[in-house]
Amino acid sequence: MKDFTLWFLSQLPSFLLAEPISAFTGLAVLSFVVSLTQRIMFGRVYGKGV
C-alpha cells in the first residue's frame, strides 16, 4: 500500500498538469485548501465551532 501511495503521488503532478485538466484541478485544489484553512482557523475540524 505504501509503495502504491508513493507511486501515485509521484505520478499525480504529471497527470494533473495535463492541458485540459490543469485549470479545473487548480481551482479544485485551491478551493479545497481554502476551505480546509477556514475550518482549521475556526475550529470546525474538531466539531467545536466558533
PDB file of N, CA and C in Angstrom:
ATOM      1  N   MET A   1       0.827  -1.193   0.000  1.00  0.00           N
ATOM      2  CA  MET A   1       0.000   0.000   0.000  1.00  0.00           C
ATOM      3  C   MET A   1       0.874   1.260   0.000  1.00  0.00           C
ATOM      4  N   LYS A   2       1.943   1.218   0.794  1.00  0.00           N
ATOM      5  CA  LYS A   2       2.835   2.373   0.856  1.00  0.00           C
ATOM      6  C   LYS A   2       3.502   2.619  -0.490  1.00  0.00           C
ATOM      7  N   ASP A   3       3.927   1.540  -1.150  1.00  0.00           N
ATOM      8  CA  ASP A   3       4.560   1.690  -2.465  1.00  0.00           C
ATOM      9  C   ASP A   3       3.591   2.279  -3.482  1.00  0.00           C
ATOM     10  N   PHE A   4       2.349   1.800  -3.444  1.00  0.00           N
ATOM     11  CA  PHE A   4       1.350   2.334  -4.365  1.00  0.00           C
ATOM     12  C   PHE A   4       1.096   3.809  -4.096  1.00  0.00           C
ATOM     13  N   THR A   5       0.999   4.171  -2.823  1.00  0.00           N
ATOM     14  CA  THR A   5       0.748   5.570  -2.472  1.00  0.00           C
ATOM     15  C   THR A   5       1.885   6.458  -2.953  1.00  0.00           C
ATOM     16  N   LEU A   6       3.116   6.024  -2.738  1.00  0.00           N
ATOM     17  CA  LEU A   6       4.258   6.818  -3.190  1.00  0.00           C
ATOM     18  C   LEU A   6       4.288   6.926  -4.709  1.00  0.00           C
ATOM     19  N   TRP A   7       3.972   5.822  -5.396  1.00  0.00           N
ATOM     20  CA  TRP A   7       3.927   5.862  -6.857  1.00  0.00           C
ATOM     21  C   TRP A   7       2.828   6.801  -7.330  1.00  0.00           C
ATOM     22  N   PHE A   8       1.655   6.710  -6.709  1.00  0.00           N
ATOM     23  CA  PHE A   8       0.525   7.544  -7.099  1.00  0.00           C
ATOM     24  C   PHE A   8       0.852   9.019  -6.909  1.00  0.00           C
ATOM     25  N   LEU A   9       1.461   9.351  -5.775  1.00  0.00           N
ATOM     26  CA  LEU A   9       1.816  10.748  -5.521  1.00  0.00           C
ATOM     27  C   LEU A   9       2.892  11.239  -6.479  1.00  0.00           C
ATOM     28  N   SER A  10       3.775  10.361  -6.901  1.00  0.00           N
ATOM     29  CA  SER A  10       4.805  10.791  -7.850  1.00  0.00           C
ATOM     30  C   SER A  10       4.234  10.963  -9.254  1.00  0.00           C
ATOM     31  N   GLN A  11       3.200  10.204  -9.610  1.00  0.00           N
ATOM     32  CA  GLN A  11       2.576  10.315 -10.932  1.00  0.00           C
ATOM     33  C   GLN A  11       1.514  11.399 -10.990  1.00  0.00           C
ATOM     34  N   LEU A  12       0.983  11.797  -9.852  1.00  0.00           N
ATOM     35  CA  LEU A  12      -0.139  12.731  -9.811  1.00  0.00           C
ATOM     36  C   LEU A  12       0.156  14.066 -10.479  1.00  0.00           C
ATOM     37  N   PRO A  13       1.290  14.730 -10.210  1.00  0.00           N
ATOM     38  CA  PRO A  13       1.517  16.032 -10.853  1.00  0.00           C
ATOM     39  C   PRO A  13       1.530  15.958 -12.371  1.00  0.00           C
ATOM     40  N   SER A  14       2.135  14.935 -12.943  1.00  0.00           N
ATOM     41  CA  SER A  14       2.183  14.852 -14.404  1.00  0.00           C
ATOM     42  C   SER A  14       0.796  14.638 -14.985  1.00  0.00           C
ATOM     43  N   PHE A  15      -0.058  13.921 -14.287  1.00  0.00           N
ATOM     44  CA  PHE A  15      -1.428  13.703 -14.756  1.00  0.00           C
ATOM     45  C   PHE A  15      -2.267  14.968 -14.602  1.00  0.00           C
ATOM     46  N   LEU A  16      -2.138  15.621 -13.455  1.00  0.00           N
ATOM     47  CA  LEU A  16      -2.990  16.782 -13.180  1.00  0.00           C
ATOM     48  C   LEU A  16      -2.582  18.005 -13.983  1.00  0.00           C
ATOM     49  N   LEU A  17      -1.331  18.059 -14.412  1.00  0.00           N
ATOM     50  CA  LEU A  17      -0.880  19.211 -15.176  1.00  0.00           C
ATOM     51  C   LEU A  17      -1.066  19.027 -16.671  1.00  0.00           C
ATOM     52  N   ALA A  18      -1.709  17.941 -17.078  1.00  0.00           N
ATOM     53  CA  ALA A  18      -2.050  17.781 -18.489  1.00  0.00           C
ATOM     54  C   ALA A  18      -3.012  18.902 -18.875  1.00  0.00           C
ATOM     55  N   GLU A  19      -2.957  19.340 -20.109  1.00  0.00           N
ATOM     56  CA  GLU A  19      -3.573  20.606 -20.504  1.00  0.00           C
ATOM     57  C   GLU A  19      -5.064  20.751 -20.182  1.00  0.00           C
ATOM     58  N   PRO A  20      -5.953  19.837 -20.573  1.00  0.00           N
ATOM     59  CA  PRO A  20      -7.366  20.135 -20.316  1.00  0.00           C
ATOM     60  C   PRO A  20      -7.755  20.035 -18.850  1.00  0.00           C
ATOM     61  N   ILE A  21      -6.971  19.301 -18.072  1.00  0.00           N
ATOM     62  CA  ILE A  21      -7.361  19.046 -16.688  1.00  0.00           C
ATOM     63  C   ILE A  21      -6.816  20.116 -15.750  1.00  0.00           C
ATOM     64  N   SER A  22      -5.718  20.748 -16.130  1.00  0.00           N
ATOM     65  CA  SER A  22      -4.962  21.551 -15.174  1.00  0.00           C
ATOM     66  C   SER A  22      -5.754  22.715 -14.595  1.00  0.00           C
ATOM     67  N   ALA A  23      -6.556  23.396 -15.409  1.00  0.00           N
ATOM     68  CA  ALA A  23      -7.290  24.554 -14.900  1.00  0.00           C
ATOM     69  C   ALA A  23      -8.323  24.127 -13.864  1.00  0.00           C
ATOM     70  N   PHE A  24      -9.076  23.085 -14.167  1.00  0.00           N
ATOM     71  CA  PHE A  24     -10.093  22.622 -13.226  1.00  0.00           C
ATOM     72  C   PHE A  24      -9.457  22.060 -11.966  1.00  0.00           C
ATOM     73  N   THR A  25      -8.355  21.362 -12.127  1.00  0.00           N
ATOM     74  CA  THR A  25      -7.661  20.798 -10.978  1.00  0.00           C
ATOM     75  C   THR A  25      -7.114  21.899 -10.085  1.00  0.00           C
ATOM     76  N   GLY A  26      -6.546  22.921 -10.693  1.00  0.00           N
ATOM     77  CA  GLY A  26      -6.024  24.035  -9.909  1.00  0.00           C
ATOM     78  C   GLY A  26      -7.107  24.714  -9.098  1.00  0.00           C
ATOM     79  N   LEU A  27      -8.265  24.947  -9.718  1.00  0.00           N
ATOM     80  CA  LEU A  27      -9.375  25.564  -8.993  1.00  0.00           C
ATOM     81  C   LEU A  27      -9.881  24.658  -7.880  1.00  0.00           C
ATOM     82  N   ALA A  28      -9.972  23.361  -8.150  1.00  0.00           N
ATOM     83  CA  ALA A  28     -10.463  22.427  -7.138  1.00  0.00           C
ATOM     84  C   ALA A  28      -9.509  22.356  -5.950  1.00  0.00           C
ATOM     85  N   VAL A  29      -8.214  22.265  -6.230  1.00  0.00           N
ATOM     86  CA  VAL A  29      -7.229  22.197  -5.150  1.00  0.00           C
ATOM     87  C   VAL A  29      -7.224  23.491  -4.354  1.00  0.00           C
ATOM     88  N   LEU A  30      -7.313  24.618  -5.044  1.00  0.00           N
ATOM     89  CA  LEU A  30      -7.333  25.900  -4.356  1.00  0.00           C
ATOM     90  C   LEU A  30      -8.549  26.022  -3.449  1.00  0.00           C
ATOM     91  N   SER A  31      -9.722  25.644  -3.939  1.00  0.00           N
ATOM     92  CA  SER A  31     -10.927  25.742  -3.111  1.00  0.00           C
ATOM     93  C   SER A  31     -10.851  24.783  -1.927  1.00  0.00           C
ATOM     94  N   PHE A  32     -10.275  23.593  -2.137  1.00  0.00           N
ATOM     95  CA  PHE A  32     -10.131  22.645  -1.034  1.00  0.00           C
ATOM     96  C   PHE A  32      -9.195  23.196   0.039  1.00  0.00           C
ATOM     97  N   VAL A  33      -8.074  23.767  -0.377  1.00  0.00           N
ATOM     98  CA  VAL A  33      -7.110  24.307   0.587  1.00  0.00           C
ATOM     99  C   VAL A  33      -7.719  25.473   1.355  1.00  0.00           C
ATOM    100  N   VAL A  34      -8.463  26.333   0.653  1.00  0.00           N
ATOM    101  CA  VAL A  34      -9.090  27.474   1.322  1.00  0.00           C
ATOM    102  C   VAL A  34     -10.127  26.998   2.326  1.00  0.00           C
ATOM    103  N   SER A  35     -10.965  26.034   1.951  1.00  0.00           N
ATOM    104  CA  SER A  35     -11.987  25.558   2.884  1.00  0.00           C
ATOM    105  C   SER A  35     -11.353  24.852   4.080  1.00  0.00           C
ATOM    106  N   LEU A  36     -10.299  24.086   3.830  1.00  0.00           N
ATOM    107  CA  LEU A  36      -9.613  23.411   4.930  1.00  0.00           C
ATOM    108  C   LEU A  36      -8.975  24.424   5.876  1.00  0.00           C
ATOM    109  N   THR A  37      -8.383  25.472   5.315  1.00  0.00           N
ATOM    110  CA  THR A  37      -7.784  26.517   6.143  1.00  0.00           C
ATOM    111  C   THR A  37      -8.839  27.217   6.984  1.00  0.00           C
ATOM    112  N   GLN A  38      -9.988  27.506   6.395  1.00  0.00           N
ATOM    113  CA  GLN A  38     -11.063  28.142   7.154  1.00  0.00           C
ATOM    114  C   GLN A  38     -11.544  27.233   8.275  1.00  0.00           C
ATOM    115  N   ARG A  39     -11.675  25.939   7.979  1.00  0.00           N
ATOM    116  CA  ARG A  39     -12.133  25.013   9.016  1.00  0.00           C
ATOM    117  C   ARG A  39     -11.145  24.949  10.165  1.00  0.00           C
ATOM    118  N   ILE A  40      -9.856  24.938   9.833  1.00  0.00           N
ATOM    119  CA  ILE A  40      -8.842  24.868  10.887  1.00  0.00           C
ATOM    120  C   ILE A  40      -8.839  26.166  11.697  1.00  0.00           C
ATOM    121  N   MET A  41      -8.954  27.303  11.008  1.00  0.00           N
ATOM    122  CA  MET A  41      -8.922  28.587  11.707  1.00  0.00           C
ATOM    123  C   MET A  41     -10.115  28.742  12.638  1.00  0.00           C
ATOM    124  N   PHE A  42     -11.266  28.251  12.228  1.00  0.00           N
ATOM    125  CA  PHE A  42     -12.468  28.442  13.031  1.00  0.00           C
ATOM    126  C   PHE A  42     -12.804  27.226  13.882  1.00  0.00           C
ATOM    127  N   GLY A  43     -11.953  26.224  13.882  1.00  0.00           N
ATOM    128  CA  GLY A  43     -12.114  25.094  14.780  1.00  0.00           C
ATOM    129  C   GLY A  43     -13.195  24.118  14.391  1.00  0.00           C
ATOM    130  N   ARG A  44     -13.639  24.124  13.146  1.00  0.00           N
ATOM    131  CA  ARG A  44     -14.734  23.241  12.768  1.00  0.00           C
ATOM    132  C   ARG A  44     -14.266  21.836  12.435  1.00  0.00           C
ATOM    133  N   VAL A  45     -12.958  21.643  12.304  1.00  0.00           N
ATOM    134  CA  VAL A  45     -12.450  20.308  12.002  1.00  0.00           C
ATOM    135  C   VAL A  45     -12.747  19.381  13.171  1.00  0.00           C
ATOM    136  N   TYR A  46     -12.643  19.895  14.377  1.00  0.00           N
ATOM    137  CA  TYR A  46     -12.827  19.074  15.561  1.00  0.00           C
ATOM    138  C   TYR A  46     -14.238  19.191  16.127  1.00  0.00           C
ATOM    139  N   GLY A  47     -15.144  19.837  15.399  1.00  0.00           N
ATOM    140  CA  GLY A  47     -16.535  19.903  15.813  1.00  0.00           C
ATOM    141  C   GLY A  47     -16.823  20.928  16.887  1.00  0.00           C
ATOM    142  N   LYS A  48     -15.904  21.839  17.150  1.00  0.00           N
ATOM    143  CA  LYS A  48     -16.117  22.823  18.202  1.00  0.00           C
ATOM    144  C   LYS A  48     -16.960  23.995  17.725  1.00  0.00           C
ATOM    145  N   GLY A  49     -16.749  24.423  16.491  1.00  0.00           N
ATOM    146  CA  GLY A  49     -17.437  25.616  16.011  1.00  0.00           C
ATOM    147  C   GLY A  49     -16.837  26.859  16.617  1.00  0.00           C
ATOM    148  N   VAL A  50     -17.433  27.991  16.331  1.00  0.00           N
ATOM    149  CA  VAL A  50     -16.902  29.262  16.833  1.00  0.00           C
ATOM    150  C   VAL A  50     -17.659  29.661  18.075  1.00  0.00           C
TER     151      VAL A  50
END
